[in-house]
Amino acid sequence: MAKRTIDINCDVGEGVGNEEALFPLISSCNIACGGHAGSKESIVFCLELAKKYNVKVGAHPSYPDKENFGRVSMNLSDDELIQSIKQQMQLFMSLCSQMDVELNHIKPHGALYNDIAKDEHLAKTFLTGIEEFKKGAVLYVPFCSVIQRLALENGFKVLVEAFADRNYNTDLSLVSRKESNALITEGKEVLAHLLRMYNENEVKTVSGDNIPIIANTYCIHGDTPSALQILAYLSNELPHHNLLVKS
């Protein structure tokens, strides 16, 4: 049976310092661009690795909140949020241009990602902030989310994302990081979680329900303590299931 290619994306440039080990094992990266983490130096470093390992490059904008790593919702005006997103993207794109790297996708981070999944006004505001990239980049979005619907209605290209290292609630929201079972940290469990979503188009929630989900790309968080071990395990095991991360 011919092997299929599965897109594994990873959030990087967030100060963990494990990127050199991660990049050979992933196919897409989401690079922090100064909102919750990241600097000119870290962006350049990640872009260099992406070129070296032929990894698709994505921008990872967030609420402008380094103190809370972008994981706390912020009450910003529309103009404040739009301006912040534009500033983050301008920094990122200037470095991509300098290094002759093409932007493949945009994936919002943390609380912003979760908020625009359900808040229509905030989702519209975010789309305004990335309007200029509508024709050239793909937007990574959660399944059946408000942002997915609005992006498609407004002419954006989307890829639906699921999380291979996170547990889900029945409403397809992610289990809060405040809970002890938010993360899936063992490679074997991540593989089972991933294969169920990929092969069966469903996810087993923490309450034991099997809920439909369809995704095109699967995330392993670069700051998950066992991220490298998880990705190494997937790299070894996925080919046994006729799946390749690198084509």
Protein backbone atom coordinates (compact mmCIF):
# COMPACT_ATOMS: atom_id res chain seq x y z
CA MET A 1 0.00 0.00 0.00
CA ALA A 2 1.34 3.43 -0.96
CA LYS A 3 2.21 5.61 1.99
CA ARG A 4 0.22 8.79 2.56
CA THR A 5 1.66 12.06 3.82
CA ILE A 6 0.36 13.56 7.07
CA ASP A 7 1.08 17.16 8.02
CA ILE A 8 2.53 17.52 11.51
CA ASN A 9 2.91 21.13 12.61
CA CYS A 10 4.76 22.48 15.62
CA ASP A 11 4.75 25.81 17.47
CA VAL A 12 8.34 27.04 17.66
CA GLY A 13 10.47 30.07 18.45
CA GLU A 14 8.88 30.32 21.89
CA GLY A 15 12.05 30.24 23.99
CA VAL A 16 12.25 26.51 24.63
CA GLY A 17 15.38 26.07 22.54
CA ASN A 18 14.60 22.62 21.12
CA GLU A 19 14.07 23.67 17.50
CA GLU A 20 17.18 22.06 16.03
CA ALA A 21 15.95 18.67 17.22
CA LEU A 22 12.31 19.24 16.26
CA PHE A 23 12.59 20.49 12.68
CA PRO A 24 13.79 17.22 11.08
CA LEU A 25 10.63 15.56 12.45
CA ILE A 26 7.91 18.00 11.33
CA SER A 27 6.46 19.23 8.04
CA SER A 28 5.03 22.63 9.10
CA CYS A 29 6.13 25.16 11.70
CA ASN A 30 4.33 28.03 13.40
CA ILE A 31 6.90 30.65 14.39
CA ALA A 32 6.17 33.06 17.25
CA CYS A 33 6.43 36.59 15.91
CA GLY A 34 6.71 38.79 18.97
CA GLY A 35 3.25 38.79 20.52
CA HIS A 36 3.50 36.07 23.16
CA ALA A 37 7.13 35.15 22.47
CA GLY A 38 9.76 35.52 19.81
CA SER A 39 12.25 38.07 18.60
CA LYS A 40 13.97 38.96 15.35
CA GLU A 41 16.77 36.58 16.26
CA SER A 42 14.52 33.63 17.09
CA ILE A 43 12.45 34.14 13.94
CA VAL A 44 15.58 34.18 11.76
CA PHE A 45 16.88 31.05 13.48
CA CYS A 46 13.63 29.18 12.84
CA LEU A 47 13.45 30.36 9.23
CA GLU A 48 16.98 29.05 8.66
CA LEU A 49 15.96 25.66 10.06
CA ALA A 50 12.81 25.63 7.93
CA LYS A 51 14.88 26.18 4.81
CA LYS A 52 17.37 23.51 5.83
CA TYR A 53 14.75 20.85 6.53
CA ASN A 54 12.16 21.86 3.91
CA VAL A 55 9.50 22.71 6.49
CA LYS A 56 6.49 24.86 5.53
CA VAL A 57 6.63 28.22 7.28
CA GLY A 58 3.78 29.74 9.24
CA ALA A 59 3.38 32.89 11.33
CA HIS A 60 2.08 32.42 14.86
CA PRO A 61 0.59 35.77 15.98
CA SER A 62 -1.12 36.18 19.33
CA TYR A 63 -2.44 38.61 21.84
CA PRO A 64 0.41 41.01 22.73
CA ASP A 65 1.05 39.44 26.12
CA LYS A 66 4.47 37.97 26.78
CA GLU A 67 3.85 37.99 30.52
CA ASN A 68 1.14 35.34 30.19
CA PHE A 69 2.58 33.67 27.07
CA GLY A 70 -0.54 34.66 25.15
CA ARG A 71 -2.64 32.16 27.06
CA VAL A 72 -4.96 34.66 28.77
CA SER A 73 -7.77 36.44 26.93
CA MET A 74 -7.29 40.19 26.58
CA ASN A 75 -9.89 42.94 26.38
CA LEU A 76 -8.47 44.96 23.50
CA SER A 77 -10.27 47.39 21.23
CA ASP A 78 -10.68 46.30 17.62
CA ASP A 79 -8.04 48.80 16.54
CA GLU A 80 -5.59 47.64 19.20
CA LEU A 81 -5.90 44.01 18.18
CA ILE A 82 -5.68 44.77 14.46
CA GLN A 83 -2.64 46.96 14.98
CA SER A 84 -0.90 44.31 17.09
CA ILE A 85 -1.55 41.55 14.54
CA LYS A 86 -0.34 43.77 11.71
CA GLN A 87 2.84 44.67 13.61
CA GLN A 88 3.60 41.02 14.30
CA MET A 89 3.00 40.07 10.69
CA GLN A 90 5.08 42.98 9.39
CA LEU A 91 8.05 41.90 11.49
CA PHE A 92 7.65 38.31 10.36
CA MET A 93 7.21 39.11 6.67
CA SER A 94 10.16 41.49 6.59
CA LEU A 95 12.39 38.66 7.80
CA CYS A 96 10.84 36.15 5.40
CA SER A 97 11.55 38.58 2.57
CA GLN A 98 15.15 39.08 3.65
CA MET A 99 15.70 35.34 3.75
CA ASP A 100 13.70 34.53 0.62
CA VAL A 101 11.23 32.33 2.51
CA GLU A 102 7.61 31.97 1.42
CA LEU A 103 4.80 32.28 3.96
CA ASN A 104 2.67 29.13 3.78
CA HIS A 105 0.19 29.73 6.58
CA ILE A 106 -0.95 31.74 9.58
CA LYS A 107 -1.94 30.11 12.84
CA PRO A 108 -3.09 32.26 15.76
CA HIS A 109 -1.77 31.31 19.17
CA GLY A 110 -3.20 30.38 22.54
CA ALA A 111 -6.08 32.39 23.94
CA LEU A 112 -6.54 34.27 20.68
CA TYR A 113 -6.88 30.97 18.79
CA ASN A 114 -9.47 29.75 21.29
CA ASP A 115 -11.36 33.05 21.44
CA ILE A 116 -11.79 33.48 17.68
CA ALA A 117 -13.00 29.90 17.48
CA LYS A 118 -16.21 30.96 19.22
CA ASP A 119 -16.47 34.79 19.21
CA GLU A 120 -17.81 36.10 15.89
CA HIS A 121 -16.87 39.74 16.41
CA LEU A 122 -13.35 38.88 17.50
CA ALA A 123 -12.95 36.47 14.58
CA LYS A 124 -13.98 39.22 12.13
CA THR A 125 -11.50 41.59 13.76
CA PHE A 126 -8.70 39.06 13.45
CA LEU A 127 -9.49 38.46 9.78
CA THR A 128 -9.30 42.20 9.21
CA GLY A 129 -5.81 42.14 10.72
CA ILE A 130 -4.60 39.51 8.24
CA GLU A 131 -6.67 40.65 5.24
CA GLU A 132 -3.64 41.34 3.06
CA PHE A 133 -2.57 37.68 3.28
CA LYS A 134 -5.92 36.31 2.11
CA LYS A 135 -4.70 35.26 -1.33
CA GLY A 136 -1.23 34.06 -0.43
CA ALA A 137 -1.45 32.12 2.82
CA VAL A 138 -3.59 29.43 4.40
CA LEU A 139 -5.23 29.99 7.78
CA TYR A 140 -5.04 27.11 10.28
CA VAL A 141 -8.37 26.87 12.13
CA PRO A 142 -10.21 24.50 14.51
CA PHE A 143 -12.88 22.16 13.16
CA CYS A 144 -16.43 23.59 12.95
CA SER A 145 -15.30 26.87 14.50
CA VAL A 146 -16.63 30.38 14.02
CA ILE A 147 -13.31 31.43 12.49
CA GLN A 148 -13.45 28.56 9.99
CA ARG A 149 -16.89 29.61 8.76
CA LEU A 150 -16.11 33.32 8.58
CA ALA A 151 -12.75 32.77 6.89
CA LEU A 152 -14.34 30.68 4.15
CA GLU A 153 -17.18 33.17 3.73
CA ASN A 154 -14.63 35.95 3.28
CA GLY A 155 -12.44 34.21 0.73
CA PHE A 156 -9.62 32.93 2.92
CA LYS A 157 -8.05 29.54 2.33
CA VAL A 158 -8.17 27.31 5.39
CA LEU A 159 -6.75 24.07 6.72
CA VAL A 160 -8.48 22.49 9.67
CA GLU A 161 -6.19 21.69 12.58
CA ALA A 162 -6.45 19.15 15.36
CA PHE A 163 -4.20 18.71 18.38
CA ALA A 164 -2.40 15.41 18.75
CA ASP A 165 -0.98 16.24 22.19
CA ARG A 166 -4.11 17.76 23.76
CA ASN A 167 -7.28 16.26 25.17
CA TYR A 168 -10.68 17.48 24.01
CA ASN A 169 -13.96 18.26 25.73
CA THR A 170 -17.26 17.09 24.22
CA ASP A 171 -17.83 20.52 22.58
CA LEU A 172 -14.44 20.09 20.84
CA SER A 173 -12.82 22.76 22.98
CA LEU A 174 -9.44 21.83 24.41
CA VAL A 175 -9.25 20.76 28.02
CA SER A 176 -7.96 23.72 30.00
CA ARG A 177 -4.25 23.72 30.73
CA LYS A 178 -5.23 24.24 34.36
CA GLU A 179 -6.43 20.63 34.39
CA SER A 180 -4.04 17.73 34.97
CA ASN A 181 -5.29 15.87 31.90
CA ALA A 182 -4.91 18.75 29.43
CA LEU A 183 -1.77 17.37 27.82
CA ILE A 184 -1.09 13.96 26.29
CA THR A 185 2.59 13.38 26.96
CA GLU A 186 3.26 9.74 26.08
CA GLY A 187 4.12 8.93 22.48
CA LYS A 188 1.99 5.81 22.36
CA GLU A 189 -1.08 7.70 23.57
CA VAL A 190 -0.45 10.57 21.15
CA LEU A 191 -0.20 8.09 18.28
CA ALA A 192 -3.51 6.44 19.19
CA HIS A 193 -5.18 9.85 19.57
CA LEU A 194 -3.81 10.98 16.20
CA LEU A 195 -4.70 7.82 14.31
CA ARG A 196 -8.27 7.87 15.59
CA MET A 197 -8.70 11.42 14.29
CA TYR A 198 -6.93 10.70 10.99
CA ASN A 199 -8.46 7.31 10.17
CA GLU A 200 -11.84 7.47 11.87
CA ASN A 201 -12.58 11.21 11.68
CA GLU A 202 -13.45 11.25 15.35
CA VAL A 203 -11.84 12.13 18.66
CA LYS A 204 -12.33 10.42 22.00
CA THR A 205 -13.08 13.12 24.56
CA VAL A 206 -12.19 13.13 28.25
CA SER A 207 -15.77 12.12 29.00
CA GLY A 208 -15.37 9.03 26.80
CA ASP A 209 -17.54 10.21 23.92
CA ASN A 210 -16.45 9.81 20.31
CA ILE A 211 -17.10 13.13 18.56
CA PRO A 212 -16.72 13.74 14.79
CA ILE A 213 -13.69 15.78 13.78
CA ILE A 214 -12.03 16.23 10.39
CA ALA A 215 -8.55 17.73 10.16
CA ASN A 216 -5.86 18.38 7.57
CA THR A 217 -2.96 19.18 9.91
CA TYR A 218 -2.06 17.97 13.39
CA CYS A 219 -0.21 19.95 16.05
CA ILE A 220 2.42 18.94 18.56
CA HIS A 221 3.24 21.89 20.80
CA GLY A 222 6.93 22.66 20.83
CA ASP A 223 6.75 23.61 24.51
CA THR A 224 5.20 20.32 25.58
CA PRO A 225 7.96 18.90 27.83
CA SER A 226 8.06 15.62 25.92
CA ALA A 227 7.64 17.16 22.45
CA LEU A 228 10.88 15.73 21.09
CA GLN A 229 10.18 12.25 22.45
CA ILE A 230 6.64 12.37 21.00
CA LEU A 231 7.83 13.45 17.56
CA ALA A 232 10.61 10.88 17.50
CA TYR A 233 8.11 8.17 18.42
CA LEU A 234 5.69 9.32 15.69
CA SER A 235 8.51 9.41 13.16
CA ASN A 236 9.28 5.77 13.91
CA GLU A 237 5.71 4.51 14.19
CA LEU A 238 3.71 6.37 11.54
CA PRO A 239 5.36 4.55 8.60
CA HIS A 240 4.00 1.28 10.06
CA HIS A 241 0.55 2.82 9.49
CA ASN A 242 1.43 3.85 5.92
CA LEU A 243 1.91 7.48 6.92
CA LEU A 244 4.88 9.75 6.32
CA VAL A 245 5.53 13.15 7.85
CA LYS A 246 8.10 14.01 5.20
CA SER A 247 7.16 13.10 1.63
